[in-house]
C-alpha atoms as a PDB file:
ATOM      1  CA  MET A   1     102.975 112.791 118.192  1.00  0.00           C
ATOM      2  CA  VAL A   2     104.505 114.160 115.065  1.00  0.00           C
ATOM      3  CA  PHE A   3     107.979 112.717 114.028  1.00  0.00           C
ATOM      4  CA  LYS A   4     109.031 115.331 111.669  1.00  0.00           C
ATOM      5  CA  GLU A   5     110.066 118.968 110.924  1.00  0.00           C
ATOM      6  CA  SER A   6     110.120 119.684 106.686  1.00  0.00           C
ATOM      7  CA  GLN A   7     111.264 122.400 103.939  1.00  0.00           C
ATOM      8  CA  ASN A   8     110.821 122.463 100.451  1.00  0.00           C
ATOM      9  CA  ALA A   9     107.279 121.074 100.558  1.00  0.00           C
ATOM     10  CA  PHE A  10     106.386 120.789  96.844  1.00  0.00           C
ATOM     11  CA  LYS A  11     102.320 119.993  96.104  1.00  0.00           C
ATOM     12  CA  ASP A  12     101.217 118.107  92.727  1.00  0.00           C
ATOM     13  CA  LYS A  13      97.243 117.227  93.651  1.00  0.00           C
ATOM     14  CA  GLY A  14      96.724 113.321  93.234  1.00  0.00           C
ATOM     15  CA  LYS A  15     100.547 112.422  92.664  1.00  0.00           C
ATOM     16  CA  ARG A  16     103.139 111.671  94.906  1.00  0.00           C
ATOM     17  CA  THR A  17     105.765 114.338  96.176  1.00  0.00           C
ATOM     18  CA  PHE A  18     108.638 114.296  98.387  1.00  0.00           C
ATOM     19  CA  PHE A  19     111.062 116.714 100.191  1.00  0.00           C
ATOM     20  CA  GLN A  20     113.886 116.668 102.837  1.00  0.00           C
ATOM     21  CA  SER A  21     113.242 116.311 106.527  1.00  0.00           C
ATOM     22  CA  PHE A  22     115.408 116.799 109.241  1.00  0.00           C
ATOM     23  CA  VAL A  23     116.038 114.987 112.472  1.00  0.00           C
ATOM     24  CA  ASN A  24     113.702 114.701 115.112  1.00  0.00           C
ATOM     25  CA  LYS A  25     115.886 114.684 118.141  1.00  0.00           C
ATOM     26  CA  SER A  26     113.608 115.076 120.595  1.00  0.00           C
ATOM     27  CA  CYS A  27     111.774 111.678 119.697  1.00  0.00           C
ATOM     28  CA  ASN A  28     115.350 110.039 118.969  1.00  0.00           C
ATOM     29  CA  PHE A  29     114.123 109.236 115.192  1.00  0.00           C
ATOM     30  CA  VAL A  30     116.054 109.768 112.273  1.00  0.00           C
ATOM     31  CA  VAL A  31     113.712 110.368 109.651  1.00  0.00           C
ATOM     32  CA  LEU A  32     115.268 111.282 105.978  1.00  0.00           C
ATOM     33  CA  ILE A  33     112.773 111.438 102.969  1.00  0.00           C
ATOM     34  CA  GLU A  34     108.870 112.100 103.270  1.00  0.00           C
ATOM     35  CA  PHE A  35     106.357 111.047 100.544  1.00  0.00           C
ATOM     36  CA  MET A  36     102.757 112.434  99.978  1.00  0.00           C
ATOM     37  CA  SER A  37      99.600 111.307  98.177  1.00  0.00           C
ATOM     38  CA  GLU A  38      96.381 113.197  98.171  1.00  0.00           C
ATOM     39  CA  ALA A  39      92.794 112.246  96.618  1.00  0.00           C
ATOM     40  CA  ILE A  40      89.053 113.299  96.880  1.00  0.00           C
ATOM     41  CA  SER A  41      86.406 110.414  97.073  1.00  0.00           C
ATOM     42  CA  ASN A  42      83.145 110.597  98.544  1.00  0.00           C
ATOM     43  CA  GLY A  43      83.427 114.132  99.338  1.00  0.00           C
ATOM     44  CA  PHE A  44      86.625 113.843 101.502  1.00  0.00           C
ATOM     45  CA  VAL A  45      90.026 114.500 100.639  1.00  0.00           C
ATOM     46  CA  ILE A  46      92.672 112.074 101.898  1.00  0.00           C
ATOM     47  CA  LYS A  47      95.881 113.013 102.531  1.00  0.00           C
ATOM     48  CA  VAL A  48      98.583 110.879 103.392  1.00  0.00           C
ATOM     49  CA  GLU A  49     102.539 111.469 104.291  1.00  0.00           C
ATOM     50  CA  THR A  50     104.988 108.811 104.778  1.00  0.00           C
ATOM     51  CA  THR A  51     108.371 108.432 106.182  1.00  0.00           C
ATOM     52  CA  GLN A  52     110.536 105.789 107.347  1.00  0.00           C
ATOM     53  CA  LEU A  53     111.896 105.826 110.818  1.00  0.00           C
ATOM     54  CA  LEU A  54     115.502 104.791 111.220  1.00  0.00           C
ATOM     55  CA  ASN A  55     116.827 104.110 114.755  1.00  0.00           C
ATOM     56  CA  GLN A  56     113.176 102.726 115.587  1.00  0.00           C
ATOM     57  CA  ALA A  57     113.340  99.043 117.503  1.00  0.00           C
ATOM     58  CA  ILE A  58     111.187  96.520 115.652  1.00  0.00           C
ATOM     59  CA  GLN A  59     111.311  92.764 115.834  1.00  0.00           C
ATOM     60  CA  LYS A  60     112.506  90.348 113.034  1.00  0.00           C
ATOM     61  CA  PRO A  61     111.210  89.374 110.501  1.00  0.00           C
ATOM     62  CA  PHE A  62     110.756  93.234 109.772  1.00  0.00           C
ATOM     63  CA  ILE A  63     113.939  95.157 109.204  1.00  0.00           C
ATOM     64  CA  HIS A  64     111.956  98.656 108.140  1.00  0.00           C
ATOM     65  CA  PHE A  65     109.291 100.875 110.031  1.00  0.00           C
ATOM     66  CA  PHE A  66     107.151 103.450 107.956  1.00  0.00           C
ATOM     67  CA  SER A  67     105.152 106.087 109.861  1.00  0.00           C
ATOM     68  CA  TYR A  68     101.987 107.345 108.342  1.00  0.00           C
ATOM     69  CA  GLN A  69     100.015 110.507 108.959  1.00  0.00           C
ATOM     70  CA  ILE A  70      96.819 110.702 107.330  1.00  0.00           C
ATOM     71  CA  THR A  71      94.604 113.846 107.130  1.00  0.00           C
ATOM     72  CA  ILE A  72      90.883 113.552 106.596  1.00  0.00           C
ATOM     73  CA  LYS A  73      89.142 116.373 105.222  1.00  0.00           C
ATOM     74  CA  ASN A  74      85.267 116.249 104.856  1.00  0.00           C
ATOM     75  CA  LEU A  75      83.878 118.642 102.390  1.00  0.00           C
ATOM     76  CA  ASN A  76      80.385 117.161 102.940  1.00  0.00           C
ATOM     77  CA  PRO A  77      77.466 119.571 103.856  1.00  0.00           C
ATOM     78  CA  PHE A  78      76.693 116.949 106.636  1.00  0.00           C
ATOM     79  CA  PRO A  79      78.913 115.390 109.390  1.00  0.00           C
ATOM     80  CA  ALA A  80      80.347 111.791 109.004  1.00  0.00           C
ATOM     81  CA  LYS A  81      81.387 109.021 111.943  1.00  0.00           C
ATOM     82  CA  LEU A  82      84.709 106.874 110.990  1.00  0.00           C
ATOM     83  CA  ILE A  83      83.280 103.657 111.774  1.00  0.00           C
ATOM     84  CA  GLY A  84      86.389 101.385 110.249  1.00  0.00           C
ATOM     85  CA  ARG A  85      89.334 100.772 108.132  1.00  0.00           C
ATOM     86  CA  PHE A  86      90.324  98.516 105.863  1.00  0.00           C
ATOM     87  CA  TRP A  87      94.176  98.196 104.332  1.00  0.00           C
ATOM     88  CA  LYS A  88      95.757  96.271 101.503  1.00  0.00           C
ATOM     89  CA  ILE A  89      99.669  96.218 102.365  1.00  0.00           C
ATOM     90  CA  TRP A  90     101.910  95.014  99.494  1.00  0.00           C
ATOM     91  CA  GLU A  91     105.714  93.873  99.761  1.00  0.00           C
ATOM     92  CA  MET A  92     108.255  93.376  97.375  1.00  0.00           C
ATOM     93  CA  GLY A  93     108.189  89.903  96.653  1.00  0.00           C
ATOM     94  CA  GLY A  94     104.417  89.651  96.137  1.00  0.00           C
ATOM     95  CA  LYS A  95     103.822  89.442 100.083  1.00  0.00           C
ATOM     96  CA  ILE A  96      99.968  90.779 100.339  1.00  0.00           C
ATOM     97  CA  GLU A  97      98.520  91.167 103.902  1.00  0.00           C
ATOM     98  CA  GLN A  98      94.818  92.614 104.256  1.00  0.00           C
ATOM     99  CA  VAL A  99      94.310  94.424 108.070  1.00  0.00           C
ATOM    100  CA  SER A 100      90.624  96.007 108.876  1.00  0.00           C
ATOM    101  CA  GLY A 101      89.311  96.926 111.957  1.00  0.00           C
ATOM    102  CA  LEU A 102      86.841  99.425 113.743  1.00  0.00           C
ATOM    103  CA  GLY A 103      88.006 103.154 113.564  1.00  0.00           C
ATOM    104  CA  VAL A 104      91.474 104.466 113.593  1.00  0.00           C
ATOM    105  CA  VAL A 105      94.143 104.611 116.442  1.00  0.00           C
ATOM    106  CA  GLY A 106      91.381 103.161 118.819  1.00  0.00           C
ATOM    107  CA  LEU A 107      88.859 106.385 117.698  1.00  0.00           C
ATOM    108  CA  GLN A 108      85.623 106.713 115.961  1.00  0.00           C
ATOM    109  CA  PRO A 109      85.661 110.506 115.085  1.00  0.00           C
ATOM    110  CA  ILE A 110      82.781 112.301 113.758  1.00  0.00           C
ATOM    111  CA  ILE A 111      84.190 115.072 111.452  1.00  0.00           C
ATOM    112  CA  GLU A 112      82.090 117.970 110.740  1.00  0.00           C
ATOM    113  CA  PRO A 113      81.629 119.671 107.230  1.00  0.00           C
ATOM    114  CA  ASN A 114      85.069 121.425 106.258  1.00  0.00           C
ATOM    115  CA  THR A 115      86.842 120.105 109.345  1.00  0.00           C
ATOM    116  CA  SER A 116      89.819 117.771 109.561  1.00  0.00           C
ATOM    117  CA  PHE A 117      90.973 114.569 111.446  1.00  0.00           C
ATOM    118  CA  THR A 118      94.561 114.026 111.525  1.00  0.00           C
ATOM    119  CA  TYR A 119      96.132 110.814 112.975  1.00  0.00           C
ATOM    120  CA  THR A 120      99.618 109.189 112.759  1.00  0.00           C
ATOM    121  CA  SER A 121     100.303 105.340 112.692  1.00  0.00           C
ATOM    122  CA  GLY A 122     102.743 103.116 111.344  1.00  0.00           C
ATOM    123  CA  CYS A 123     103.370  99.438 109.307  1.00  0.00           C
ATOM    124  CA  PRO A 124     106.685  97.403 109.595  1.00  0.00           C
ATOM    125  CA  LEU A 125     107.864  95.855 106.390  1.00  0.00           C
ATOM    126  CA  THR A 126     109.959  92.594 105.696  1.00  0.00           C
ATOM    127  CA  THR A 127     111.298  94.074 102.546  1.00  0.00           C
ATOM    128  CA  ASN A 128     112.844  97.435 101.266  1.00  0.00           C
ATOM    129  CA  LEU A 129     109.605  98.801  99.182  1.00  0.00           C
ATOM    130  CA  GLY A 130     105.874  98.364  99.668  1.00  0.00           C
ATOM    131  CA  LYS A 131     102.563  99.977  98.646  1.00  0.00           C
ATOM    132  CA  MET A 132      99.363 100.430 101.161  1.00  0.00           C
ATOM    133  CA  SER A 133      95.900 101.765  99.615  1.00  0.00           C
ATOM    134  CA  GLY A 134      92.164 100.958 101.404  1.00  0.00           C
ATOM    135  CA  HIS A 135      89.487 102.641 102.795  1.00  0.00           C
ATOM    136  CA  TYR A 136      87.447 104.166 105.440  1.00  0.00           C
ATOM    137  CA  SER A 137      83.868 103.009 106.247  1.00  0.00           C
ATOM    138  CA  PHE A 138      81.684 105.574 107.394  1.00  0.00           C
ATOM    139  CA  THR A 139      78.134 106.572 108.321  1.00  0.00           C
ATOM    140  CA  ASN A 140      76.165 109.885 107.803  1.00  0.00           C
ATOM    141  CA  VAL A 141      75.196 111.149 111.104  1.00  0.00           C
ATOM    142  CA  GLN A 142      72.165 112.677 109.793  1.00  0.00           C
ATOM    143  CA  SER A 143      70.838 110.117 107.401  1.00  0.00           C
ATOM    144  CA  GLY A 144      72.305 107.239 108.993  1.00  0.00           C
ATOM    145  CA  GLU A 145      73.785 106.029 105.249  1.00  0.00           C
ATOM    146  CA  ASN A 146      77.087 104.349 105.185  1.00  0.00           C
ATOM    147  CA  PHE A 147      79.610 104.723 102.687  1.00  0.00           C
ATOM    148  CA  LEU A 148      83.086 104.015 101.682  1.00  0.00           C
ATOM    149  CA  VAL A 149      85.964 106.816 101.469  1.00  0.00           C
ATOM    150  CA  LYS A 150      89.051 105.493  99.499  1.00  0.00           C
ATOM    151  CA  ILE A 151      92.838 105.933 100.641  1.00  0.00           C
ATOM    152  CA  PRO A 152      94.829 106.883  97.752  1.00  0.00           C
ATOM    153  CA  PRO A 153      97.838 104.240  97.267  1.00  0.00           C
ATOM    154  CA  PHE A 154     101.147 105.394  98.661  1.00  0.00           C
ATOM    155  CA  GLU A 155     104.276 103.657  98.429  1.00  0.00           C
ATOM    156  CA  LEU A 156     106.700 102.963 101.623  1.00  0.00           C
ATOM    157  CA  ILE A 157     110.368 103.019 100.310  1.00  0.00           C
ATOM    158  CA  ALA A 158     113.453 102.145 102.386  1.00  0.00           C
ATOM    159  CA  ASN A 159     115.865 105.315 102.138  1.00  0.00           C
ATOM    160  CA  ASN A 160     118.675 102.991 100.974  1.00  0.00           C
ATOM    161  CA  LEU A 161     116.820 102.497  97.502  1.00  0.00           C
ATOM    162  CA  LEU A 162     116.912 106.428  97.026  1.00  0.00           C
ATOM    163  CA  ASN A 163     120.422 106.766  97.234  1.00  0.00           C
END
């Protein structure tokens, strides 16, 4: 599910960029600012786009909800299966949470050479500012070798901090 429409995208490989987004009325969400991070690790391009979702019902103690869409592109000459993920989530004030599990959004996709897999997930925060980073665990489908792919750090910034 896509939460945004966008214009004026400015890419600067490996650096965070941002651009304005519009209101997606069909989902009843308001999205104002989007951030993007991109990096290459172990033959994979990892691109992360984040947005704050306003009007999203969340439970206390959380005050903000962020969506992140990740595209994983396999530049290797072999197919690889995404086995698991590990996240480190920092919040303003020093709170750190670590999350790990099998696959992503309930899937363990096999990503063929020169193809991509994209998924969307979310993260609630109890503060106005946060950051996420981590890695994916993969298996080379041909050799059975396990390896890690780093997820570039990306910020979760409440829209009210940007005004």
